[in-house]
Amino acid sequence: MVDKVFIESANMKNINKGIKKDLRQHAAEVAEAMKKLYPKPKTELVYANEMQLAIAVMLSAQTTDKKVNEITAALFKKYLTWDDFAIASLPTLQRDIRGVNFHLGKASRIIKASVIVRDKFGGHLPRTMDELLLLPGVARKTANVILQELWDITEGIVVDTHVTRISSRLGLSNEKNAVKIEQELMSLFDKKYWRGISGAFVLHGRHVCKARKPECEKCVLKDICPSAFLEN
């Protein structure tokens, strides 16, 4: 649990901004700014039902949503149900998703997860974190996305590469492990912000706070971000 931790910029410009405060207060200011900019953030993955969302999120690890959408446009015309994936030939499915990173392992996990959904859960995704985590290829990130997007259930904060990067730049977490980052963020943000903050960070990371060249000059957080302009 993060209690009264203070953030302080490494350069004098940001120190002079007075960015030194209780970290929970800092988190609240970030959350409110993100809420105004992204009032209802949604995943950019294209899906029509719960199966399609689950498969798309499983495919999205270390792969852009744009690439996943390209792959699933054909994939979901061929595989219409959980049973279609459960009985799929592994080499065939591996070829069908070969445009995503780590497609060999992902294909195997998708088949195994589909068998469990079909046989253990009657062909429907379970609606609890613990049950979703029983599925191969589903970690907390995937489970959080599924719960939030499909049923508006918030049990945690989605942590992907964008959330990891932005949390670090904002001085909210220096952890590298996604589970530890999620725990820190959950301790900093009031629960009412949990769903919105992850979706907002993902969109902000794609379009503003980019990995290679963050566009600090147009960022709404530039006045409270200890990393503002340091990487430009």
Protein backbone atom coordinates (compact mmCIF):
# COMPACT_ATOMS: atom_id res chain seq x y z
CA MET A 1 0.00 0.00 0.00
CA VAL A 2 1.39 3.37 -0.99
CA ASP A 3 0.77 5.93 1.74
CA LYS A 4 2.23 9.45 1.84
CA VAL A 5 4.83 9.31 -0.87
CA PHE A 6 6.17 12.46 -2.46
CA ILE A 7 7.10 12.99 -6.09
CA GLU A 8 9.77 15.38 -7.17
CA SER A 9 11.14 16.08 -10.61
CA ALA A 10 14.76 15.46 -11.48
CA ASN A 11 15.28 18.87 -13.08
CA MET A 12 15.00 22.38 -11.67
CA LYS A 13 12.32 23.48 -14.11
CA ASN A 14 9.85 20.98 -12.75
CA ILE A 15 10.97 21.47 -9.17
CA ASN A 16 10.16 25.14 -9.60
CA LYS A 17 6.71 24.15 -10.75
CA GLY A 18 6.16 22.93 -7.22
CA ILE A 19 5.43 19.35 -8.23
CA LYS A 20 5.89 17.95 -4.76
CA LYS A 21 2.76 16.69 -3.12
CA ASP A 22 0.96 13.78 -1.60
CA LEU A 23 0.85 11.06 -4.24
CA ARG A 24 -2.84 10.35 -3.77
CA GLN A 25 -3.61 14.01 -4.36
CA HIS A 26 -1.46 13.90 -7.47
CA ALA A 27 -3.31 10.78 -8.64
CA ALA A 28 -6.67 12.48 -8.10
CA GLU A 29 -5.59 15.46 -10.20
CA VAL A 30 -4.43 13.13 -12.96
CA ALA A 31 -7.69 11.18 -12.83
CA GLU A 32 -9.85 14.28 -13.07
CA ALA A 33 -7.84 15.62 -16.03
CA MET A 34 -8.10 12.26 -17.81
CA LYS A 35 -11.83 12.03 -17.09
CA LYS A 36 -12.41 15.37 -18.78
CA LEU A 37 -10.33 14.42 -21.80
CA TYR A 38 -11.60 10.83 -22.12
CA PRO A 39 -15.03 10.76 -20.43
CA LYS A 40 -15.99 7.29 -21.69
CA PRO A 41 -12.89 5.44 -22.91
CA LYS A 42 -13.56 2.22 -24.79
CA THR A 43 -11.31 -0.45 -26.18
CA GLU A 44 -10.31 0.05 -29.81
CA LEU A 45 -10.57 -3.68 -30.46
CA VAL A 46 -13.41 -4.56 -32.83
CA TYR A 47 -15.79 -7.23 -31.53
CA ALA A 48 -19.44 -8.24 -31.75
CA ASN A 49 -19.84 -10.60 -28.79
CA GLU A 50 -18.12 -11.84 -25.65
CA MET A 51 -16.18 -14.59 -27.43
CA GLN A 52 -14.77 -12.15 -29.97
CA LEU A 53 -13.68 -9.70 -27.28
CA ALA A 54 -11.97 -12.40 -25.24
CA ILE A 55 -10.11 -13.78 -28.26
CA ALA A 56 -9.14 -10.30 -29.44
CA VAL A 57 -7.75 -9.34 -26.03
CA MET A 58 -5.81 -12.60 -25.84
CA LEU A 59 -4.31 -11.83 -29.24
CA SER A 60 -3.46 -8.26 -28.28
CA ALA A 61 -0.58 -9.04 -25.92
CA GLN A 62 2.56 -7.42 -27.41
CA THR A 63 0.54 -6.61 -30.54
CA THR A 64 -1.23 -3.41 -31.57
CA ASP A 65 -5.01 -3.25 -31.62
CA LYS A 66 -4.79 -2.23 -35.28
CA LYS A 67 -3.00 -5.45 -36.18
CA VAL A 68 -5.36 -7.54 -34.07
CA ASN A 69 -8.36 -5.99 -35.82
CA GLU A 70 -6.82 -6.84 -39.18
CA ILE A 71 -6.40 -10.47 -38.13
CA THR A 72 -9.80 -10.87 -36.46
CA ALA A 73 -11.68 -9.42 -39.44
CA ALA A 74 -11.09 -12.74 -41.23
CA LEU A 75 -10.73 -14.91 -38.13
CA PHE A 76 -14.22 -14.23 -36.81
CA LYS A 77 -15.77 -15.11 -40.16
CA LYS A 78 -14.17 -18.54 -39.96
CA TYR A 79 -14.58 -19.26 -36.24
CA LEU A 80 -18.10 -18.37 -35.11
CA THR A 81 -18.38 -20.09 -31.72
CA TRP A 82 -16.29 -21.26 -28.80
CA ASP A 83 -16.67 -24.79 -30.16
CA ASP A 84 -15.15 -23.73 -33.48
CA PHE A 85 -12.02 -22.65 -31.62
CA ALA A 86 -12.11 -25.67 -29.29
CA ILE A 87 -11.99 -28.15 -32.17
CA ALA A 88 -9.63 -26.12 -34.32
CA SER A 89 -6.48 -27.69 -35.68
CA LEU A 90 -3.53 -26.13 -33.88
CA PRO A 91 -1.37 -25.70 -37.00
CA THR A 92 -4.31 -24.18 -38.87
CA LEU A 93 -5.15 -21.72 -36.12
CA GLN A 94 -1.48 -20.80 -35.83
CA ARG A 95 -1.50 -19.92 -39.52
CA ASP A 96 -4.76 -17.99 -39.17
CA ILE A 97 -3.30 -15.69 -36.50
CA ARG A 98 0.30 -15.58 -37.66
CA GLY A 99 0.23 -11.79 -38.04
CA VAL A 100 0.25 -11.30 -34.25
CA ASN A 101 3.32 -11.65 -32.08
CA PHE A 102 3.82 -15.00 -30.31
CA HIS A 103 1.10 -16.55 -32.48
CA LEU A 104 2.23 -20.14 -31.85
CA GLY A 105 1.66 -20.02 -28.11
CA LYS A 106 -1.43 -17.84 -28.41
CA ALA A 107 -3.11 -20.36 -30.73
CA SER A 108 -2.51 -23.18 -28.26
CA ARG A 109 -3.87 -21.17 -25.34
CA ILE A 110 -6.94 -20.04 -27.31
CA ILE A 111 -7.84 -23.65 -28.08
CA LYS A 112 -7.36 -24.74 -24.45
CA ALA A 113 -9.35 -21.77 -23.14
CA SER A 114 -12.17 -22.45 -25.59
CA VAL A 115 -12.43 -26.05 -24.43
CA ILE A 116 -12.77 -24.87 -20.82
CA VAL A 117 -15.38 -22.24 -21.69
CA ARG A 118 -17.36 -24.84 -23.64
CA ASP A 119 -17.10 -27.72 -21.17
CA LYS A 120 -16.83 -26.03 -17.76
CA PHE A 121 -18.84 -22.85 -18.27
CA GLY A 122 -21.50 -23.99 -20.74
CA GLY A 123 -20.21 -21.92 -23.65
CA HIS A 124 -20.33 -18.59 -21.83
CA LEU A 125 -17.55 -16.58 -20.25
CA PRO A 126 -17.63 -16.58 -16.44
CA ARG A 127 -18.24 -13.22 -14.79
CA THR A 128 -15.74 -13.31 -11.95
CA MET A 129 -12.03 -12.55 -11.88
CA ASP A 130 -11.13 -15.85 -10.24
CA GLU A 131 -12.99 -17.90 -12.83
CA LEU A 132 -11.65 -15.94 -15.78
CA LEU A 133 -8.11 -16.51 -14.52
CA LEU A 134 -8.68 -20.26 -14.92
CA LEU A 135 -8.56 -19.79 -18.68
CA PRO A 136 -5.17 -20.25 -20.39
CA GLY A 137 -4.04 -16.97 -21.90
CA VAL A 138 -6.11 -14.88 -19.50
CA ALA A 139 -4.15 -12.88 -16.92
CA ARG A 140 -5.47 -9.98 -14.85
CA LYS A 141 -5.16 -7.50 -17.71
CA THR A 142 -7.33 -9.61 -20.01
CA ALA A 143 -9.81 -10.42 -17.25
CA ASN A 144 -10.14 -6.76 -16.28
CA VAL A 145 -10.84 -5.76 -19.88
CA ILE A 146 -13.47 -8.48 -20.27
CA LEU A 147 -15.24 -7.63 -17.00
CA GLN A 148 -15.24 -3.91 -17.65
CA GLU A 149 -16.13 -3.91 -21.33
CA LEU A 150 -18.81 -6.60 -21.27
CA TRP A 151 -20.49 -6.21 -17.90
CA ASP A 152 -19.28 -2.94 -16.39
CA ILE A 153 -17.67 -4.88 -13.53
CA THR A 154 -14.59 -3.20 -12.07
CA GLU A 155 -12.34 -5.37 -9.93
CA GLY A 156 -9.03 -3.77 -10.82
CA ILE A 157 -7.10 -1.60 -13.25
CA VAL A 158 -6.01 -2.77 -16.68
CA VAL A 159 -2.22 -2.54 -16.93
CA ASP A 160 -0.64 -2.72 -20.38
CA THR A 161 2.50 -1.15 -21.85
CA HIS A 162 0.81 2.27 -22.14
CA VAL A 163 -0.39 2.25 -18.54
CA THR A 164 3.04 1.09 -17.39
CA ARG A 165 4.81 3.86 -19.30
CA ILE A 166 2.48 6.68 -18.29
CA SER A 167 2.37 5.60 -14.65
CA SER A 168 6.15 5.77 -14.57
CA ARG A 169 6.35 9.15 -16.30
CA LEU A 170 3.77 10.59 -13.93
CA GLY A 171 5.65 9.31 -10.89
CA LEU A 172 2.82 7.00 -9.86
CA SER A 173 4.74 3.72 -10.00
CA ASN A 174 8.28 2.62 -10.68
CA GLU A 175 7.38 -1.07 -10.71
CA LYS A 176 7.96 -3.18 -13.83
CA ASN A 177 5.65 -6.06 -12.96
CA ALA A 178 2.06 -5.52 -14.14
CA VAL A 179 0.48 -7.02 -11.01
CA LYS A 180 2.56 -4.78 -8.72
CA ILE A 181 1.77 -1.74 -10.85
CA GLU A 182 -1.93 -2.54 -10.64
CA GLN A 183 -1.72 -2.88 -6.86
CA GLU A 184 0.00 0.49 -6.53
CA LEU A 185 -2.46 2.23 -8.82
CA MET A 186 -5.42 0.70 -6.99
CA SER A 187 -4.02 2.07 -3.75
CA LEU A 188 -3.59 5.55 -5.23
CA PHE A 189 -6.80 6.04 -7.22
CA ASP A 190 -10.26 5.97 -5.67
CA LYS A 191 -12.22 3.01 -7.01
CA LYS A 192 -14.54 5.32 -8.95
CA TYR A 193 -11.58 6.08 -11.22
CA TRP A 194 -10.33 2.53 -11.79
CA ARG A 195 -12.12 1.76 -15.02
CA GLY A 196 -11.75 5.17 -16.57
CA ILE A 197 -8.10 5.69 -15.72
CA SER A 198 -6.86 2.56 -17.45
CA GLY A 199 -8.85 3.25 -20.61
CA ALA A 200 -7.76 6.87 -20.60
CA PHE A 201 -4.08 5.99 -20.12
CA VAL A 202 -4.25 3.52 -23.03
CA LEU A 203 -5.72 6.12 -25.38
CA HIS A 204 -3.40 8.84 -24.07
CA GLY A 205 -0.41 6.57 -24.55
CA ARG A 206 -1.33 5.84 -28.14
CA HIS A 207 -2.11 9.37 -29.22
CA VAL A 208 -0.20 11.77 -26.95
CA CYS A 209 2.19 10.23 -24.42
CA LYS A 210 3.88 8.05 -27.01
CA ALA A 211 6.77 5.74 -26.23
CA ARG A 212 9.40 7.25 -28.51
CA LYS A 213 8.38 10.89 -28.69
CA PRO A 214 5.77 12.06 -26.21
CA GLU A 215 3.86 15.12 -27.39
CA CYS A 216 4.19 17.03 -24.13
CA GLU A 217 3.34 20.39 -25.66
CA LYS A 218 -0.27 19.31 -26.24
CA CYS A 219 -0.65 17.14 -23.13
CA VAL A 220 -3.23 18.24 -20.57
CA LEU A 221 -0.99 16.82 -17.84
CA LYS A 222 2.13 18.79 -18.73
CA ASP A 223 1.82 21.16 -15.76
CA ILE A 224 1.62 18.33 -13.21
CA CYS A 225 3.81 15.70 -14.91
CA PRO A 226 7.33 15.44 -13.47
CA SER A 227 8.57 14.04 -16.79
CA ALA A 228 7.11 16.75 -19.02
CA PHE A 229 9.48 17.72 -21.86
CA LEU A 230 12.33 15.64 -20.45
CA GLU A 231 12.19 13.13 -23.33
CA ASN A 232 11.71 15.58 -26.19
